PDB file of N, CA and C in Angstrom:
ATOM      1  N   MET A   1       6.140  31.170  30.675  1.00  0.00           N
ATOM      2  CA  MET A   1       6.925  30.938  29.335  1.00  0.00           C
ATOM      3  C   MET A   1       6.568  30.346  28.346  1.00  0.00           C
ATOM      4  N   ASN A   2       6.296  30.998  27.158  1.00  0.00           N
ATOM      5  CA  ASN A   2       5.413  30.169  25.883  1.00  0.00           C
ATOM      6  C   ASN A   2       6.665  29.417  24.641  1.00  0.00           C
ATOM      7  N   LYS A   3       6.789  28.256  24.469  1.00  0.00           N
ATOM      8  CA  LYS A   3       7.147  27.627  23.895  1.00  0.00           C
ATOM      9  C   LYS A   3       7.175  28.709  22.041  1.00  0.00           C
ATOM     10  N   LYS A   4       7.779  28.525  21.178  1.00  0.00           N
ATOM     11  CA  LYS A   4       7.385  29.450  20.072  1.00  0.00           C
ATOM     12  C   LYS A   4       6.661  28.429  19.205  1.00  0.00           C
ATOM     13  N   GLY A   5       5.693  29.338  18.779  1.00  0.00           N
ATOM     14  CA  GLY A   5       4.400  28.261  17.977  1.00  0.00           C
ATOM     15  C   GLY A   5       3.228  28.581  18.860  1.00  0.00           C
ATOM     16  N   PHE A   6       3.449  28.605  20.064  1.00  0.00           N
ATOM     17  CA  PHE A   6       2.251  27.763  20.833  1.00  0.00           C
ATOM     18  C   PHE A   6       1.763  29.047  21.429  1.00  0.00           C
ATOM     19  N   SER A   7       0.521  29.096  21.713  1.00  0.00           N
ATOM     20  CA  SER A   7      -0.106  30.497  22.459  1.00  0.00           C
ATOM     21  C   SER A   7      -0.321  30.040  23.800  1.00  0.00           C
ATOM     22  N   ASP A   8      -1.213  30.945  24.894  1.00  0.00           N
ATOM     23  CA  ASP A   8      -1.225  30.390  26.165  1.00  0.00           C
ATOM     24  C   ASP A   8      -2.571  29.893  26.542  1.00  0.00           C
ATOM     25  N   GLN A   9      -3.530  30.132  25.152  1.00  0.00           N
ATOM     26  CA  GLN A   9      -4.925  29.505  25.354  1.00  0.00           C
ATOM     27  C   GLN A   9      -4.812  27.550  24.847  1.00  0.00           C
ATOM     28  N   SER A  10      -3.712  27.338  24.445  1.00  0.00           N
ATOM     29  CA  SER A  10      -3.769  26.010  23.812  1.00  0.00           C
ATOM     30  C   SER A  10      -3.836  24.723  25.112  1.00  0.00           C
ATOM     31  N   SER A  11      -4.675  24.013  24.743  1.00  0.00           N
ATOM     32  CA  SER A  11      -4.590  23.175  25.883  1.00  0.00           C
ATOM     33  C   SER A  11      -4.697  21.651  25.032  1.00  0.00           C
ATOM     34  N   GLU A  12      -5.360  20.597  26.283  1.00  0.00           N
ATOM     35  CA  GLU A  12      -5.333  19.109  25.385  1.00  0.00           C
ATOM     36  C   GLU A  12      -6.837  19.194  24.717  1.00  0.00           C
ATOM     37  N   ALA A  13      -7.392  19.687  25.331  1.00  0.00           N
ATOM     38  CA  ALA A  13      -9.441  19.985  24.714  1.00  0.00           C
ATOM     39  C   ALA A  13      -9.105  20.235  23.246  1.00  0.00           C
ATOM     40  N   ASP A  14      -8.211  21.549  23.153  1.00  0.00           N
ATOM     41  CA  ASP A  14      -8.301  21.725  21.866  1.00  0.00           C
ATOM     42  C   ASP A  14      -7.426  21.517  20.925  1.00  0.00           C
ATOM     43  N   ASN A  15      -7.123  20.262  21.236  1.00  0.00           N
ATOM     44  CA  ASN A  15      -6.589  19.533  20.025  1.00  0.00           C
ATOM     45  C   ASN A  15      -7.254  18.335  19.571  1.00  0.00           C
ATOM     46  N   LYS A  16      -8.677  17.883  20.367  1.00  0.00           N
ATOM     47  CA  LYS A  16      -9.412  17.003  19.740  1.00  0.00           C
ATOM     48  C   LYS A  16     -10.180  17.746  18.368  1.00  0.00           C
ATOM     49  N   VAL A  17     -10.656  16.862  17.633  1.00  0.00           N
ATOM     50  CA  VAL A  17     -11.633  17.103  16.446  1.00  0.00           C
ATOM     51  C   VAL A  17     -12.871  17.902  17.167  1.00  0.00           C
ATOM     52  N   GLU A  18     -12.819  19.203  16.252  1.00  0.00           N
ATOM     53  CA  GLU A  18     -14.154  19.970  16.922  1.00  0.00           C
ATOM     54  C   GLU A  18     -15.547  19.404  15.904  1.00  0.00           C
ATOM     55  N   ASP A  19     -15.150  19.041  14.853  1.00  0.00           N
ATOM     56  CA  ASP A  19     -16.527  18.342  14.195  1.00  0.00           C
ATOM     57  C   ASP A  19     -16.767  16.879  14.156  1.00  0.00           C
ATOM     58  N   GLU A  20     -16.882  16.753  15.480  1.00  0.00           N
ATOM     59  CA  GLU A  20     -16.923  14.730  16.135  1.00  0.00           C
ATOM     60  C   GLU A  20     -18.821  15.142  16.156  1.00  0.00           C
ATOM     61  N   SER A  21     -19.517  15.939  16.010  1.00  0.00           N
ATOM     62  CA  SER A  21     -21.031  15.910  15.974  1.00  0.00           C
ATOM     63  C   SER A  21     -21.319  15.382  13.987  1.00  0.00           C
ATOM     64  N   LYS A  22     -20.259  15.747  13.647  1.00  0.00           N
ATOM     65  CA  LYS A  22     -20.631  15.396  12.179  1.00  0.00           C
ATOM     66  C   LYS A  22     -20.516  13.363  12.056  1.00  0.00           C
ATOM     67  N   PRO A  23     -21.490  13.291  11.220  1.00  0.00           N
ATOM     68  CA  PRO A  23     -21.536  11.811  11.480  1.00  0.00           C
ATOM     69  C   PRO A  23     -20.323  11.060  10.289  1.00  0.00           C
ATOM     70  N   LYS A  24     -19.667  10.462  10.825  1.00  0.00           N
ATOM     71  CA  LYS A  24     -18.773   9.848   9.462  1.00  0.00           C
ATOM     72  C   LYS A  24     -18.924   9.704   8.359  1.00  0.00           C
ATOM     73  N   LYS A  25     -18.236   9.528   7.495  1.00  0.00           N
ATOM     74  CA  LYS A  25     -18.753   8.552   6.227  1.00  0.00           C
ATOM     75  C   LYS A  25     -17.403   7.618   5.402  1.00  0.00           C
ATOM     76  N   GLY A  26     -18.062   6.615   4.589  1.00  0.00           N
ATOM     77  CA  GLY A  26     -16.790   5.650   3.662  1.00  0.00           C
ATOM     78  C   GLY A  26     -16.349   4.751   4.629  1.00  0.00           C
ATOM     79  N   LEU A  27     -14.996   4.673   4.820  1.00  0.00           N
ATOM     80  CA  LEU A  27     -14.194   4.015   5.428  1.00  0.00           C
ATOM     81  C   LEU A  27     -14.263   4.248   6.854  1.00  0.00           C
ATOM     82  N   ALA A  28     -13.932   5.434   7.311  1.00  0.00           N
ATOM     83  CA  ALA A  28     -14.014   5.850   8.322  1.00  0.00           C
ATOM     84  C   ALA A  28     -15.215   5.669   9.662  1.00  0.00           C
ATOM     85  N   LYS A  29     -16.656   5.623   8.859  1.00  0.00           N
ATOM     86  CA  LYS A  29     -17.557   4.751   9.305  1.00  0.00           C
ATOM     87  C   LYS A  29     -17.409   3.459   9.777  1.00  0.00           C
ATOM     88  N   ILE A  30     -17.003   3.171   8.807  1.00  0.00           N
ATOM     89  CA  ILE A  30     -16.265   1.595   8.488  1.00  0.00           C
ATOM     90  C   ILE A  30     -15.701   0.749   9.618  1.00  0.00           C
ATOM     91  N   LEU A  31     -14.616   1.656   9.929  1.00  0.00           N
ATOM     92  CA  LEU A  31     -13.527   1.353  10.962  1.00  0.00           C
ATOM     93  C   LEU A  31     -13.776   2.035  12.126  1.00  0.00           C
ATOM     94  N   ALA A  32     -14.907   2.851  12.559  1.00  0.00           N
ATOM     95  CA  ALA A  32     -15.400   3.529  13.515  1.00  0.00           C
ATOM     96  C   ALA A  32     -16.099   2.462  14.334  1.00  0.00           C
ATOM     97  N   GLU A  33     -17.339   1.763  13.336  1.00  0.00           N
ATOM     98  CA  GLU A  33     -18.039   0.670  13.951  1.00  0.00           C
ATOM     99  C   GLU A  33     -17.273  -0.447  14.020  1.00  0.00           C
ATOM    100  N   LYS A  34     -16.606  -0.644  13.821  1.00  0.00           N
ATOM    101  CA  LYS A  34     -15.936  -2.362  13.990  1.00  0.00           C
ATOM    102  C   LYS A  34     -16.635  -3.406  13.311  1.00  0.00           C
ATOM    103  N   LYS A  35     -17.374  -3.227  12.051  1.00  0.00           N
ATOM    104  CA  LYS A  35     -18.130  -4.612  11.622  1.00  0.00           C
ATOM    105  C   LYS A  35     -17.076  -5.713  11.245  1.00  0.00           C
ATOM    106  N   PHE A  36     -15.973  -5.199  11.122  1.00  0.00           N
ATOM    107  CA  PHE A  36     -14.915  -6.592  10.542  1.00  0.00           C
ATOM    108  C   PHE A  36     -13.743  -6.719  11.375  1.00  0.00           C
ATOM    109  N   THR A  37     -13.765  -7.892  11.248  1.00  0.00           N
ATOM    110  CA  THR A  37     -12.299  -8.679  12.374  1.00  0.00           C
ATOM    111  C   THR A  37     -11.196  -8.846  11.059  1.00  0.00           C
ATOM    112  N   TYR A  38      -9.754  -8.742  11.407  1.00  0.00           N
ATOM    113  CA  TYR A  38      -8.916  -9.089  10.483  1.00  0.00           C
ATOM    114  C   TYR A  38      -8.397 -10.074  10.637  1.00  0.00           C
ATOM    115  N   THR A  39      -8.228 -11.589  10.090  1.00  0.00           N
ATOM    116  CA  THR A  39      -7.728 -12.870  10.450  1.00  0.00           C
ATOM    117  C   THR A  39      -6.707 -13.033   9.597  1.00  0.00           C
ATOM    118  N   LEU A  40      -5.343 -13.671  10.659  1.00  0.00           N
ATOM    119  CA  LEU A  40      -4.268 -13.540   9.682  1.00  0.00           C
ATOM    120  C   LEU A  40      -4.259 -14.902   8.502  1.00  0.00           C
ATOM    121  N   PRO A  41      -3.617 -14.534   7.326  1.00  0.00           N
ATOM    122  CA  PRO A  41      -3.752 -15.793   6.506  1.00  0.00           C
ATOM    123  C   PRO A  41      -3.120 -16.800   6.568  1.00  0.00           C
ATOM    124  N   GLY A  42      -3.910 -17.853   6.379  1.00  0.00           N
ATOM    125  CA  GLY A  42      -3.581 -18.993   6.555  1.00  0.00           C
ATOM    126  C   GLY A  42      -2.001 -19.522   5.708  1.00  0.00           C
ATOM    127  N   LYS A  43      -1.899 -21.375   6.348  1.00  0.00           N
ATOM    128  CA  LYS A  43      -0.101 -21.240   5.457  1.00  0.00           C
ATOM    129  C   LYS A  43      -0.338 -21.670   4.387  1.00  0.00           C
ATOM    130  N   ARG A  44      -1.202 -22.280   3.649  1.00  0.00           N
ATOM    131  CA  ARG A  44      -2.010 -22.350   2.302  1.00  0.00           C
ATOM    132  C   ARG A  44      -1.756 -21.045   1.559  1.00  0.00           C
ATOM    133  N   GLN A  45      -2.346 -20.474   2.273  1.00  0.00           N
ATOM    134  CA  GLN A  45      -2.574 -19.103   1.284  1.00  0.00           C
ATOM    135  C   GLN A  45      -1.215 -17.978   1.452  1.00  0.00           C
ATOM    136  N   ILE A  46      -0.658 -18.240   2.584  1.00  0.00           N
ATOM    137  CA  ILE A  46       1.026 -17.368   2.409  1.00  0.00           C
ATOM    138  C   ILE A  46       1.769 -18.670   1.019  1.00  0.00           C
ATOM    139  N   ASN A  47       2.015 -19.629   1.259  1.00  0.00           N
ATOM    140  CA  ASN A  47       2.686 -20.603   0.254  1.00  0.00           C
ATOM    141  C   ASN A  47       2.061 -20.167  -1.384  1.00  0.00           C
ATOM    142  N   ILE A  48       1.089 -19.843  -1.342  1.00  0.00           N
ATOM    143  CA  ILE A  48       0.023 -19.650  -2.344  1.00  0.00           C
ATOM    144  C   ILE A  48       0.937 -18.473  -3.095  1.00  0.00           C
ATOM    145  N   PHE A  49       0.575 -16.964  -2.493  1.00  0.00           N
ATOM    146  CA  PHE A  49       1.316 -15.942  -2.442  1.00  0.00           C
ATOM    147  C   PHE A  49       2.480 -15.919  -2.847  1.00  0.00           C
ATOM    148  N   ALA A  50       3.443 -16.495  -1.953  1.00  0.00           N
ATOM    149  CA  ALA A  50       4.816 -16.648  -2.060  1.00  0.00           C
ATOM    150  C   ALA A  50       5.200 -17.473  -3.407  1.00  0.00           C
ATOM    151  N   PHE A  51       4.450 -18.398  -3.870  1.00  0.00           N
ATOM    152  CA  PHE A  51       4.882 -19.221  -5.115  1.00  0.00           C
ATOM    153  C   PHE A  51       4.463 -18.057  -6.242  1.00  0.00           C
ATOM    154  N   VAL A  52       3.317 -17.178  -6.175  1.00  0.00           N
ATOM    155  CA  VAL A  52       2.833 -16.461  -7.316  1.00  0.00           C
ATOM    156  C   VAL A  52       4.414 -14.989  -7.143  1.00  0.00           C
ATOM    157  N   VAL A  53       4.419 -14.610  -6.253  1.00  0.00           N
ATOM    158  CA  VAL A  53       5.479 -13.455  -6.226  1.00  0.00           C
ATOM    159  C   VAL A  53       7.117 -13.953  -6.775  1.00  0.00           C
ATOM    160  N   LEU A  54       7.163 -15.496  -6.055  1.00  0.00           N
ATOM    161  CA  LEU A  54       8.556 -15.796  -6.494  1.00  0.00           C
ATOM    162  C   LEU A  54       8.236 -16.111  -8.415  1.00  0.00           C
ATOM    163  N   GLY A  55       7.595 -16.495  -8.626  1.00  0.00           N
ATOM    164  CA  GLY A  55       7.739 -17.422 -10.229  1.00  0.00           C
ATOM    165  C   GLY A  55       7.299 -15.881 -10.863  1.00  0.00           C
ATOM    166  N   LEU A  56       6.640 -14.967 -10.482  1.00  0.00           N
ATOM    167  CA  LEU A  56       6.798 -13.379 -11.370  1.00  0.00           C
ATOM    168  C   LEU A  56       7.894 -12.714 -11.168  1.00  0.00           C
ATOM    169  N   ASN A  57       8.715 -12.904 -10.048  1.00  0.00           N
ATOM    170  CA  ASN A  57       9.956 -12.380 -10.160  1.00  0.00           C
ATOM    171  C   ASN A  57      10.935 -12.884 -11.369  1.00  0.00           C
ATOM    172  N   LEU A  58      10.864 -13.955 -10.793  1.00  0.00           N
ATOM    173  CA  LEU A  58      11.544 -15.201 -12.031  1.00  0.00           C
ATOM    174  C   LEU A  58      11.491 -14.576 -13.360  1.00  0.00           C
ATOM    175  N   PHE A  59      10.081 -14.862 -13.575  1.00  0.00           N
ATOM    176  CA  PHE A  59       9.578 -14.265 -15.096  1.00  0.00           C
ATOM    177  C   PHE A  59      10.714 -13.124 -15.358  1.00  0.00           C
ATOM    178  N   PHE A  60      10.576 -11.994 -14.359  1.00  0.00           N
ATOM    179  CA  PHE A  60      11.158 -10.829 -15.004  1.00  0.00           C
ATOM    180  C   PHE A  60      12.468 -10.906 -14.968  1.00  0.00           C
ATOM    181  N   VAL A  61      13.636 -12.087 -13.944  1.00  0.00           N
ATOM    182  CA  VAL A  61      14.857 -11.897 -14.455  1.00  0.00           C
ATOM    183  C   VAL A  61      15.053 -12.485 -15.631  1.00  0.00           C
ATOM    184  N   VAL A  62      14.076 -13.319 -16.155  1.00  0.00           N
ATOM    185  CA  VAL A  62      14.608 -14.161 -17.375  1.00  0.00           C
ATOM    186  C   VAL A  62      14.193 -12.957 -18.504  1.00  0.00           C
ATOM    187  N   GLY A  63      13.186 -12.408 -18.025  1.00  0.00           N
ATOM    188  CA  GLY A  63      12.937 -10.898 -19.665  1.00  0.00           C
ATOM    189  C   GLY A  63      14.441 -10.214 -19.424  1.00  0.00           C
ATOM    190  N   ILE A  64      14.571  -9.864 -18.489  1.00  0.00           N
ATOM    191  CA  ILE A  64      15.330  -9.025 -18.339  1.00  0.00           C
ATOM    192  C   ILE A  64      16.599  -9.658 -19.001  1.00  0.00           C
ATOM    193  N   LEU A  65      17.563 -11.082 -18.905  1.00  0.00           N
ATOM    194  CA  LEU A  65      18.314 -11.798 -19.060  1.00  0.00           C
ATOM    195  C   LEU A  65      18.187 -11.697 -20.790  1.00  0.00           C
ATOM    196  N   LEU A  66      17.154 -12.200 -21.253  1.00  0.00           N
ATOM    197  CA  LEU A  66      16.954 -12.228 -22.674  1.00  0.00           C
ATOM    198  C   LEU A  66      16.903 -10.940 -23.407  1.00  0.00           C
ATOM    199  N   PHE A  67      16.435  -9.594 -22.933  1.00  0.00           N
ATOM    200  CA  PHE A  67      16.500  -8.531 -23.526  1.00  0.00           C
ATOM    201  C   PHE A  67      18.086  -7.973 -23.619  1.00  0.00           C
ATOM    202  N   LEU A  68      18.995  -8.290 -22.874  1.00  0.00           N
ATOM    203  CA  LEU A  68      20.268  -8.097 -22.766  1.00  0.00           C
ATOM    204  C   LEU A  68      21.035  -8.740 -23.797  1.00  0.00           C
ATOM    205  N   ASN A  69      20.410 -10.020 -23.406  1.00  0.00           N
ATOM    206  CA  ASN A  69      21.701 -11.347 -24.191  1.00  0.00           C
ATOM    207  C   ASN A  69      21.255 -11.746 -25.643  1.00  0.00           C
ATOM    208  N   ASN A  70      19.824 -11.471 -25.851  1.00  0.00           N
ATOM    209  CA  ASN A  70      19.526 -11.910 -27.056  1.00  0.00           C
ATOM    210  C   ASN A  70      18.848 -10.462 -27.825  1.00  0.00           C
ATOM    211  N   GLU A  71      19.676 -10.479 -29.083  1.00  0.00           N
ATOM    212  CA  GLU A  71      19.093  -9.312 -29.685  1.00  0.00           C
ATOM    213  C   GLU A  71      18.082  -9.421 -30.428  1.00  0.00           C
ATOM    214  N   ALA A  72      17.595 -10.721 -30.928  1.00  0.00           N
ATOM    215  CA  ALA A  72      16.035 -10.803 -31.630  1.00  0.00           C
ATOM    216  C   ALA A  72      15.241 -10.715 -30.106  1.00  0.00           C
ATOM    217  N   PHE A  73      15.098 -11.260 -29.151  1.00  0.00           N
ATOM    218  CA  PHE A  73      14.078 -10.409 -28.130  1.00  0.00           C
ATOM    219  C   PHE A  73      14.092  -9.206 -27.596  1.00  0.00           C
ATOM    220  N   HIS A  74      15.421  -8.302 -27.874  1.00  0.00           N
ATOM    221  CA  HIS A  74      15.471  -7.220 -27.753  1.00  0.00           C
ATOM    222  C   HIS A  74      14.892  -6.482 -28.688  1.00  0.00           C
ATOM    223  N   ASP A  75      15.053  -6.750 -30.405  1.00  0.00           N
ATOM    224  CA  ASP A  75      14.698  -6.169 -31.046  1.00  0.00           C
ATOM    225  C   ASP A  75      12.553  -6.524 -30.991  1.00  0.00           C
ATOM    226  N   PHE A  76      12.402  -7.171 -30.764  1.00  0.00           N
ATOM    227  CA  PHE A  76      10.819  -7.472 -30.669  1.00  0.00           C
ATOM    228  C   PHE A  76      10.034  -6.991 -29.797  1.00  0.00           C
ATOM    229  N   VAL A  77      11.042  -6.289 -28.427  1.00  0.00           N
ATOM    230  CA  VAL A  77      10.866  -6.056 -27.284  1.00  0.00           C
ATOM    231  C   VAL A  77      10.238  -4.008 -27.489  1.00  0.00           C
ATOM    232  N   PHE A  78      11.629  -3.770 -28.298  1.00  0.00           N
ATOM    233  CA  PHE A  78      11.483  -2.124 -29.109  1.00  0.00           C
ATOM    234  C   PHE A  78      10.327  -2.228 -30.305  1.00  0.00           C
ATOM    235  N   ASN A  79       9.942  -3.345 -30.906  1.00  0.00           N
ATOM    236  CA  ASN A  79       9.030  -3.304 -31.845  1.00  0.00           C
ATOM    237  C   ASN A  79       7.598  -3.345 -31.051  1.00  0.00           C
ATOM    238  N   VAL A  80       7.442  -4.052 -29.997  1.00  0.00           N
ATOM    239  CA  VAL A  80       6.192  -3.909 -29.841  1.00  0.00           C
ATOM    240  C   VAL A  80       5.438  -3.084 -28.743  1.00  0.00           C
ATOM    241  N   GLY A  81       6.781  -2.088 -28.382  1.00  0.00           N
ATOM    242  CA  GLY A  81       6.762  -0.865 -27.820  1.00  0.00           C
ATOM    243  C   GLY A  81       6.142   0.002 -28.011  1.00  0.00           C
ATOM    244  N   ARG A  82       6.237   0.416 -29.359  1.00  0.00           N
ATOM    245  CA  ARG A  82       6.219   1.161 -30.155  1.00  0.00           C
ATOM    246  C   ARG A  82       4.835   1.908 -30.437  1.00  0.00           C
TER     247      ARG A  82
END
């Protein structure tokens, strides 16, 4: 008995990519050759990245608060956005 959508002739071998003889290009070639290794970032790099992300988020929140509470800044944003 066949399940709906499957034929009698399907098998595990048919599921493989048929064009394996074609040479890989670009990123697929690099990944297949495994010529690079990934190393986890060090503690210093993590701290620098976290500082940048938190700093930009703080800058964004201050900008939103100024936009909502300061009429001059609100007008400045609308005039620059034109």
